[in-house]
Full PDB file with SEQRES, HELIX, SHEET, SSBOND, CRYST1, ORIGX, SCALE, CONECT and MASTER records, all heavy atoms in Angstrom:
SEQRES   1 A   31  GLN ALA ILE LEU PRO ASN LEU THR ALA ARG ALA TYR SER          
SEQRES   2 A   31  ILE SER SER CYS GLY LYS THR HIS PRO GLU TYR VAL ASP          
SEQRES   3 A   31  LEU CYS ILE ARG GLN                                          
CRYST1    1.000    1.000    1.000  90.00  90.00  90.00 P 1           1          
ORIGX1      1.000000  0.000000  0.000000        0.00000                         
ORIGX2      0.000000  1.000000  0.000000        0.00000                         
ORIGX3      0.000000  0.000000  1.000000        0.00000                         
SCALE1      1.000000  0.000000  0.000000        0.00000                         
SCALE2      0.000000  1.000000  0.000000        0.00000                         
SCALE3      0.000000  0.000000  1.000000        0.00000                         
ATOM      1  N   GLN A   1      58.556  56.176 -63.258  1.00  0.00           N  
ATOM      2  CA  GLN A   1      59.248  57.452 -63.354  1.00  0.00           C  
ATOM      3  C   GLN A   1      60.292  57.409 -64.468  1.00  0.00           C  
ATOM      4  O   GLN A   1      60.473  58.379 -65.207  1.00  0.00           O  
ATOM      5  CB  GLN A   1      59.939  57.778 -62.021  1.00  0.00           C  
ATOM      6  CG  GLN A   1      59.022  58.415 -61.005  1.00  0.00           C  
ATOM      7  CD  GLN A   1      58.907  59.919 -61.206  1.00  0.00           C  
ATOM      8  OE1 GLN A   1      58.127  60.379 -62.001  1.00  0.00           O  
ATOM      9  NE2 GLN A   1      59.696  60.671 -60.478  1.00  0.00           N  
ATOM     10  N   ALA A   2      60.972  56.302 -64.589  1.00  0.00           N  
ATOM     11  CA  ALA A   2      62.048  56.166 -65.570  1.00  0.00           C  
ATOM     12  C   ALA A   2      61.520  55.854 -66.970  1.00  0.00           C  
ATOM     13  O   ALA A   2      62.107  56.269 -67.973  1.00  0.00           O  
ATOM     14  CB  ALA A   2      63.021  55.072 -65.127  1.00  0.00           C  
ATOM     15  N   ILE A   3      60.405  55.150 -67.041  1.00  0.00           N  
ATOM     16  CA  ILE A   3      59.909  54.653 -68.330  1.00  0.00           C  
ATOM     17  C   ILE A   3      58.996  55.647 -69.036  1.00  0.00           C  
ATOM     18  O   ILE A   3      59.107  55.859 -70.252  1.00  0.00           O  
ATOM     19  CB  ILE A   3      59.147  53.317 -68.120  1.00  0.00           C  
ATOM     20  CG1 ILE A   3      60.112  52.218 -67.699  1.00  0.00           C  
ATOM     21  CG2 ILE A   3      58.395  52.913 -69.387  1.00  0.00           C  
ATOM     22  CD1 ILE A   3      59.415  50.947 -67.263  1.00  0.00           C  
ATOM     23  N   LEU A   4      58.104  56.261 -68.286  1.00  0.00           N  
ATOM     24  CA  LEU A   4      57.045  57.064 -68.902  1.00  0.00           C  
ATOM     25  C   LEU A   4      57.571  58.395 -69.434  1.00  0.00           C  
ATOM     26  O   LEU A   4      58.335  59.087 -68.755  1.00  0.00           O  
ATOM     27  CB  LEU A   4      55.929  57.330 -67.894  1.00  0.00           C  
ATOM     28  CG  LEU A   4      55.162  56.115 -67.379  1.00  0.00           C  
ATOM     29  CD1 LEU A   4      54.154  56.553 -66.322  1.00  0.00           C  
ATOM     30  CD2 LEU A   4      54.457  55.403 -68.523  1.00  0.00           C  
ATOM     31  N   PRO A   5      57.145  58.787 -70.634  1.00  0.00           N  
ATOM     32  CA  PRO A   5      57.497  60.119 -71.140  1.00  0.00           C  
ATOM     33  C   PRO A   5      56.666  61.182 -70.437  1.00  0.00           C  
ATOM     34  O   PRO A   5      55.657  60.877 -69.790  1.00  0.00           O  
ATOM     35  CB  PRO A   5      57.135  60.032 -72.626  1.00  0.00           C  
ATOM     36  CG  PRO A   5      56.024  59.031 -72.681  1.00  0.00           C  
ATOM     37  CD  PRO A   5      56.344  58.020 -71.596  1.00  0.00           C  
ATOM     38  N   ASN A   6      57.085  62.418 -70.565  1.00  0.00           N  
ATOM     39  CA  ASN A   6      56.317  63.516 -69.994  1.00  0.00           C  
ATOM     40  C   ASN A   6      54.996  63.682 -70.733  1.00  0.00           C  
ATOM     41  O   ASN A   6      54.878  63.344 -71.924  1.00  0.00           O  
ATOM     42  CB  ASN A   6      57.112  64.816 -70.055  1.00  0.00           C  
ATOM     43  CG  ASN A   6      58.315  64.802 -69.134  1.00  0.00           C  
ATOM     44  OD1 ASN A   6      58.315  64.116 -68.111  1.00  0.00           O  
ATOM     45  ND2 ASN A   6      59.355  65.528 -69.497  1.00  0.00           N  
ATOM     46  N   LEU A   7      54.025  64.197 -70.038  1.00  0.00           N  
ATOM     47  CA  LEU A   7      52.693  64.409 -70.609  1.00  0.00           C  
ATOM     48  C   LEU A   7      52.776  65.380 -71.790  1.00  0.00           C  
ATOM     49  O   LEU A   7      53.348  66.467 -71.673  1.00  0.00           O  
ATOM     50  CB  LEU A   7      51.764  64.976 -69.536  1.00  0.00           C  
ATOM     51  CG  LEU A   7      50.303  65.236 -69.918  1.00  0.00           C  
ATOM     52  CD1 LEU A   7      49.608  63.932 -70.285  1.00  0.00           C  
ATOM     53  CD2 LEU A   7      49.583  65.914 -68.761  1.00  0.00           C  
ATOM     54  N   THR A   8      52.251  64.982 -72.933  1.00  0.00           N  
ATOM     55  CA  THR A   8      52.310  65.830 -74.121  1.00  0.00           C  
ATOM     56  C   THR A   8      51.096  66.749 -74.189  1.00  0.00           C  
ATOM     57  O   THR A   8      50.010  66.405 -73.715  1.00  0.00           O  
ATOM     58  CB  THR A   8      52.346  64.975 -75.402  1.00  0.00           C  
ATOM     59  OG1 THR A   8      51.203  64.105 -75.428  1.00  0.00           O  
ATOM     60  CG2 THR A   8      53.601  64.127 -75.449  1.00  0.00           C  
ATOM     61  N   ALA A   9      51.308  67.920 -74.780  1.00  0.00           N  
ATOM     62  CA  ALA A   9      50.206  68.869 -74.971  1.00  0.00           C  
ATOM     63  C   ALA A   9      49.230  68.308 -75.998  1.00  0.00           C  
ATOM     64  O   ALA A   9      49.633  67.616 -76.941  1.00  0.00           O  
ATOM     65  CB  ALA A   9      50.753  70.213 -75.426  1.00  0.00           C  
ATOM     66  N   ARG A  10      47.945  68.607 -75.830  1.00  0.00           N  
ATOM     67  CA  ARG A  10      46.903  68.119 -76.730  1.00  0.00           C  
ATOM     68  C   ARG A  10      46.552  69.193 -77.759  1.00  0.00           C  
ATOM     69  O   ARG A  10      46.391  70.365 -77.414  1.00  0.00           O  
ATOM     70  CB  ARG A  10      45.653  67.743 -75.952  1.00  0.00           C  
ATOM     71  CG  ARG A  10      45.627  66.463 -75.130  1.00  0.00           C  
ATOM     72  CD  ARG A  10      46.787  65.560 -75.195  1.00  0.00           C  
ATOM     73  NE  ARG A  10      46.529  64.280 -74.528  1.00  0.00           N  
ATOM     74  CZ  ARG A  10      47.448  63.550 -73.930  1.00  0.00           C  
ATOM     75  NH1 ARG A  10      48.703  63.969 -73.903  1.00  0.00           N  
ATOM     76  NH2 ARG A  10      47.147  62.397 -73.364  1.00  0.00           N  
ATOM     77  N   ALA A  11      46.437  68.775 -79.012  1.00  0.00           N  
ATOM     78  CA  ALA A  11      46.187  69.714 -80.115  1.00  0.00           C  
ATOM     79  C   ALA A  11      44.694  69.814 -80.416  1.00  0.00           C  
ATOM     80  O   ALA A  11      43.975  68.803 -80.418  1.00  0.00           O  
ATOM     81  CB  ALA A  11      46.927  69.262 -81.368  1.00  0.00           C  
ATOM     82  N   TYR A  12      44.248  71.043 -80.688  1.00  0.00           N  
ATOM     83  CA  TYR A  12      42.858  71.301 -81.079  1.00  0.00           C  
ATOM     84  C   TYR A  12      42.846  72.226 -82.294  1.00  0.00           C  
ATOM     85  O   TYR A  12      43.592  73.209 -82.343  1.00  0.00           O  
ATOM     86  CB  TYR A  12      42.075  71.952 -79.932  1.00  0.00           C  
ATOM     87  CG  TYR A  12      41.824  71.014 -78.780  1.00  0.00           C  
ATOM     88  CD1 TYR A  12      42.708  70.940 -77.710  1.00  0.00           C  
ATOM     89  CD2 TYR A  12      40.709  70.185 -78.764  1.00  0.00           C  
ATOM     90  CE1 TYR A  12      42.490  70.079 -76.654  1.00  0.00           C  
ATOM     91  CE2 TYR A  12      40.479  69.312 -77.709  1.00  0.00           C  
ATOM     92  CZ  TYR A  12      41.368  69.259 -76.654  1.00  0.00           C  
ATOM     93  OH  TYR A  12      41.148  68.388 -75.614  1.00  0.00           O  
ATOM     94  N   SER A  13      41.987  71.900 -83.255  1.00  0.00           N  
ATOM     95  CA  SER A  13      41.829  72.765 -84.421  1.00  0.00           C  
ATOM     96  C   SER A  13      41.169  74.070 -84.001  1.00  0.00           C  
ATOM     97  O   SER A  13      40.208  74.076 -83.239  1.00  0.00           O  
ATOM     98  CB  SER A  13      40.962  72.073 -85.485  1.00  0.00           C  
ATOM     99  OG  SER A  13      41.578  70.887 -85.938  1.00  0.00           O  
ATOM    100  N   ILE A  14      41.700  75.166 -84.503  1.00  0.00           N  
ATOM    101  CA  ILE A  14      41.151  76.483 -84.174  1.00  0.00           C  
ATOM    102  C   ILE A  14      39.858  76.705 -84.951  1.00  0.00           C  
ATOM    103  O   ILE A  14      39.778  76.412 -86.135  1.00  0.00           O  
ATOM    104  CB  ILE A  14      42.181  77.580 -84.509  1.00  0.00           C  
ATOM    105  CG1 ILE A  14      43.374  77.468 -83.555  1.00  0.00           C  
ATOM    106  CG2 ILE A  14      41.563  78.964 -84.425  1.00  0.00           C  
ATOM    107  CD1 ILE A  14      44.517  78.402 -83.890  1.00  0.00           C  
ATOM    108  N   SER A  15      38.842  77.240 -84.270  1.00  0.00           N  
ATOM    109  CA  SER A  15      37.555  77.483 -84.925  1.00  0.00           C  
ATOM    110  C   SER A  15      37.271  78.977 -85.058  1.00  0.00           C  
ATOM    111  O   SER A  15      36.139  79.417 -84.890  1.00  0.00           O  
ATOM    112  CB  SER A  15      36.426  76.790 -84.152  1.00  0.00           C  
ATOM    113  OG  SER A  15      36.388  77.221 -82.807  1.00  0.00           O  
ATOM    114  N   SER A  16      38.315  79.749 -85.326  1.00  0.00           N  
ATOM    115  CA  SER A  16      38.158  81.182 -85.581  1.00  0.00           C  
ATOM    116  C   SER A  16      39.218  81.606 -86.579  1.00  0.00           C  
ATOM    117  O   SER A  16      40.081  80.816 -86.959  1.00  0.00           O  
ATOM    118  CB  SER A  16      38.275  81.987 -84.275  1.00  0.00           C  
ATOM    119  OG  SER A  16      39.482  81.695 -83.602  1.00  0.00           O  
ATOM    120  N   CYS A  17      39.159  82.863 -86.987  1.00  0.00           N  
ATOM    121  CA  CYS A  17      40.073  83.383 -88.003  1.00  0.00           C  
ATOM    122  C   CYS A  17      40.922  84.497 -87.413  1.00  0.00           C  
ATOM    123  O   CYS A  17      40.389  85.492 -86.913  1.00  0.00           O  
ATOM    124  CB  CYS A  17      39.279  83.885 -89.213  1.00  0.00           C  
ATOM    125  SG  CYS A  17      40.282  84.752 -90.439  1.00  0.00           S  
ATOM    126  N   GLY A  18      42.225  84.338 -87.477  1.00  0.00           N  
ATOM    127  CA  GLY A  18      43.121  85.326 -86.911  1.00  0.00           C  
ATOM    128  C   GLY A  18      43.097  86.657 -87.631  1.00  0.00           C  
ATOM    129  O   GLY A  18      43.409  87.693 -87.036  1.00  0.00           O  
ATOM    130  N   LYS A  19      42.725  86.644 -88.907  1.00  0.00           N  
ATOM    131  CA  LYS A  19      42.677  87.901 -89.658  1.00  0.00           C  
ATOM    132  C   LYS A  19      41.524  88.784 -89.189  1.00  0.00           C  
ATOM    133  O   LYS A  19      41.633  90.009 -89.170  1.00  0.00           O  
ATOM    134  CB  LYS A  19      42.540  87.610 -91.155  1.00  0.00           C  
ATOM    135  CG  LYS A  19      43.792  87.020 -91.783  1.00  0.00           C  
ATOM    136  CD  LYS A  19      43.625  86.853 -93.278  1.00  0.00           C  
ATOM    137  CE  LYS A  19      44.902  86.302 -93.913  1.00  0.00           C  
ATOM    138  NZ  LYS A  19      44.759  86.124 -95.374  1.00  0.00           N  
ATOM    139  N   THR A  20      40.416  88.174 -88.825  1.00  0.00           N  
ATOM    140  CA  THR A  20      39.249  88.937 -88.390  1.00  0.00           C  
ATOM    141  C   THR A  20      39.165  89.072 -86.876  1.00  0.00           C  
ATOM    142  O   THR A  20      38.560  90.008 -86.366  1.00  0.00           O  
ATOM    143  CB  THR A  20      37.955  88.283 -88.915  1.00  0.00           C  
ATOM    144  OG1 THR A  20      37.912  86.912 -88.479  1.00  0.00           O  
ATOM    145  CG2 THR A  20      37.912  88.317 -90.438  1.00  0.00           C  
ATOM    146  N   HIS A  21      39.762  88.128 -86.150  1.00  0.00           N  
ATOM    147  CA  HIS A  21      39.695  88.156 -84.678  1.00  0.00           C  
ATOM    148  C   HIS A  21      41.063  87.847 -84.075  1.00  0.00           C  
ATOM    149  O   HIS A  21      41.244  86.814 -83.413  1.00  0.00           O  
ATOM    150  CB  HIS A  21      38.656  87.151 -84.166  1.00  0.00           C  
ATOM    151  CG  HIS A  21      37.283  87.352 -84.727  1.00  0.00           C  
ATOM    152  ND1 HIS A  21      36.527  88.472 -84.434  1.00  0.00           N  
ATOM    153  CD2 HIS A  21      36.543  86.597 -85.570  1.00  0.00           C  
ATOM    154  CE1 HIS A  21      35.356  88.383 -85.072  1.00  0.00           C  
ATOM    155  NE2 HIS A  21      35.349  87.263 -85.763  1.00  0.00           N  
ATOM    156  N   PRO A  22      42.043  88.718 -84.274  1.00  0.00           N  
ATOM    157  CA  PRO A  22      43.392  88.434 -83.766  1.00  0.00           C  
ATOM    158  C   PRO A  22      43.502  88.486 -82.249  1.00  0.00           C  
ATOM    159  O   PRO A  22      44.467  87.974 -81.676  1.00  0.00           O  
ATOM    160  CB  PRO A  22      44.241  89.541 -84.403  1.00  0.00           C  
ATOM    161  CG  PRO A  22      43.278  90.672 -84.621  1.00  0.00           C  
ATOM    162  CD  PRO A  22      41.971  90.017 -84.960  1.00  0.00           C  
ATOM    163  N   GLU A  23      42.520  89.096 -81.587  1.00  0.00           N  
ATOM    164  CA  GLU A  23      42.629  89.293 -80.142  1.00  0.00           C  
ATOM    165  C   GLU A  23      42.191  88.076 -79.328  1.00  0.00           C  
ATOM    166  O   GLU A  23      42.384  88.032 -78.117  1.00  0.00           O  
ATOM    167  CB  GLU A  23      41.808  90.512 -79.714  1.00  0.00           C  
ATOM    168  CG  GLU A  23      40.290  90.331 -79.778  1.00  0.00           C  
ATOM    169  CD  GLU A  23      39.694  90.486 -81.178  1.00  0.00           C  
ATOM    170  OE1 GLU A  23      40.463  90.588 -82.157  1.00  0.00           O  
ATOM    171  OE2 GLU A  23      38.448  90.524 -81.280  1.00  0.00           O  
ATOM    172  N   TYR A  24      41.588  87.089 -79.985  1.00  0.00           N  
ATOM    173  CA  TYR A  24      41.198  85.871 -79.271  1.00  0.00           C  
ATOM    174  C   TYR A  24      41.249  84.684 -80.217  1.00  0.00           C  
ATOM    175  O   TYR A  24      41.409  84.828 -81.431  1.00  0.00           O  
ATOM    176  CB  TYR A  24      39.798  86.004 -78.654  1.00  0.00           C  
ATOM    177  CG  TYR A  24      38.661  86.179 -79.642  1.00  0.00           C  
ATOM    178  CD1 TYR A  24      38.160  85.106 -80.374  1.00  0.00           C  
ATOM    179  CD2 TYR A  24      38.059  87.428 -79.823  1.00  0.00           C  
ATOM    180  CE1 TYR A  24      37.107  85.261 -81.266  1.00  0.00           C  
ATOM    181  CE2 TYR A  24      37.014  87.600 -80.715  1.00  0.00           C  
ATOM    182  CZ  TYR A  24      36.541  86.503 -81.433  1.00  0.00           C  
ATOM    183  OH  TYR A  24      35.508  86.665 -82.328  1.00  0.00           O  
ATOM    184  N   VAL A  25      41.111  83.499 -79.640  1.00  0.00           N  
ATOM    185  CA  VAL A  25      41.078  82.270 -80.419  1.00  0.00           C  
ATOM    186  C   VAL A  25      39.955  81.393 -79.885  1.00  0.00           C  
ATOM    187  O   VAL A  25      39.725  81.321 -78.675  1.00  0.00           O  
ATOM    188  CB  VAL A  25      42.440  81.533 -80.354  1.00  0.00           C  
ATOM    189  CG1 VAL A  25      42.757  81.096 -78.940  1.00  0.00           C  
ATOM    190  CG2 VAL A  25      42.462  80.341 -81.310  1.00  0.00           C  
ATOM    191  N   ASP A  26      39.215  80.765 -80.793  1.00  0.00           N  
ATOM    192  CA  ASP A  26      38.101  79.896 -80.413  1.00  0.00           C  
ATOM    193  C   ASP A  26      38.471  78.428 -80.627  1.00  0.00           C  
ATOM    194  O   ASP A  26      39.158  78.079 -81.595  1.00  0.00           O  
ATOM    195  CB  ASP A  26      36.859  80.214 -81.247  1.00  0.00           C  
ATOM    196  CG  ASP A  26      36.232  81.547 -80.879  1.00  0.00           C  
ATOM    197  OD1 ASP A  26      36.518  82.050 -79.783  1.00  0.00           O  
ATOM    198  OD2 ASP A  26      35.466  82.100 -81.706  1.00  0.00           O  
ATOM    199  N   LEU A  27      37.986  77.580 -79.744  1.00  0.00           N  
ATOM    200  CA  LEU A  27      38.161  76.139 -79.859  1.00  0.00           C  
ATOM    201  C   LEU A  27      36.817  75.453 -79.724  1.00  0.00           C  
ATOM    202  O   LEU A  27      35.909  75.969 -79.064  1.00  0.00           O  
ATOM    203  CB  LEU A  27      39.107  75.611 -78.775  1.00  0.00           C  
ATOM    204  CG  LEU A  27      40.510  76.216 -78.688  1.00  0.00           C  
ATOM    205  CD1 LEU A  27      41.269  75.585 -77.531  1.00  0.00           C  
ATOM    206  CD2 LEU A  27      41.257  76.033 -79.993  1.00  0.00           C  
ATOM    207  N   CYS A  28      36.700  74.295 -80.348  1.00  0.00           N  
ATOM    208  CA  CYS A  28      35.504  73.463 -80.221  1.00  0.00           C  
ATOM    209  C   CYS A  28      35.941  72.156 -79.564  1.00  0.00           C  
ATOM    210  O   CYS A  28      36.702  71.384 -80.154  1.00  0.00           O  
ATOM    211  CB  CYS A  28      34.890  73.220 -81.605  1.00  0.00           C  
ATOM    212  SG  CYS A  28      33.373  72.241 -81.582  1.00  0.00           S  
ATOM    213  N   ILE A  29      35.452  71.914 -78.351  1.00  0.00           N  
ATOM    214  CA  ILE A  29      35.952  70.819 -77.519  1.00  0.00           C  
ATOM    215  C   ILE A  29      34.840  69.815 -77.224  1.00  0.00           C  
ATOM    216  O   ILE A  29      33.785  70.190 -76.718  1.00  0.00           O  
ATOM    217  CB  ILE A  29      36.492  71.346 -76.176  1.00  0.00           C  
ATOM    218  CG1 ILE A  29      37.458  72.512 -76.388  1.00  0.00           C  
ATOM    219  CG2 ILE A  29      37.123  70.222 -75.372  1.00  0.00           C  
ATOM    220  CD1 ILE A  29      38.732  72.157 -77.048  1.00  0.00           C  
ATOM    221  N   ARG A  30      35.084  68.566 -77.536  1.00  0.00           N  
ATOM    222  CA  ARG A  30      34.168  67.511 -77.080  1.00  0.00           C  
ATOM    223  C   ARG A  30      34.787  66.844 -75.858  1.00  0.00           C  
ATOM    224  O   ARG A  30      35.935  66.378 -75.913  1.00  0.00           O  
ATOM    225  CB  ARG A  30      33.927  66.460 -78.161  1.00  0.00           C  
ATOM    226  CG  ARG A  30      32.862  65.421 -77.746  1.00  0.00           C  
ATOM    227  CD  ARG A  30      32.725  64.285 -78.745  1.00  0.00           C  
ATOM    228  NE  ARG A  30      32.352  64.755 -80.053  1.00  0.00           N  
ATOM    229  CZ  ARG A  30      31.105  65.017 -80.450  1.00  0.00           C  
ATOM    230  NH1 ARG A  30      30.109  64.874 -79.578  1.00  0.00           N  
ATOM    231  NH2 ARG A  30      30.842  65.433 -81.673  1.00  0.00           N  
ATOM    232  N   GLN A  31      34.036  66.796 -74.765  1.00  0.00           N  
ATOM    233  CA  GLN A  31      34.557  66.161 -73.560  1.00  0.00           C  
ATOM    234  C   GLN A  31      34.537  64.644 -73.738  1.00  0.00           C  
ATOM    235  O   GLN A  31      33.480  64.031 -73.902  1.00  0.00           O  
ATOM    236  CB  GLN A  31      33.744  66.537 -72.329  1.00  0.00           C  
ATOM    237  CG  GLN A  31      34.296  65.914 -71.058  1.00  0.00           C  
ATOM    238  CD  GLN A  31      33.554  66.346 -69.810  1.00  0.00           C  
ATOM    239  OE1 GLN A  31      32.725  67.240 -69.849  1.00  0.00           O  
ATOM    240  NE2 GLN A  31      33.863  65.695 -68.690  1.00  0.00           N  
TER     241      GLN A  31                                                      
MASTER        0    0    0    0    0    0    0    6  240    1    0    3          
END                                                                             
């Protein structure tokens, strides 16, 4: 509890374009 840092968020490259699809975002995930 004292030693471990909090769980960090995981980063994923976006696989869509905000200019053409601002209403959603796509991700490509390998399990």
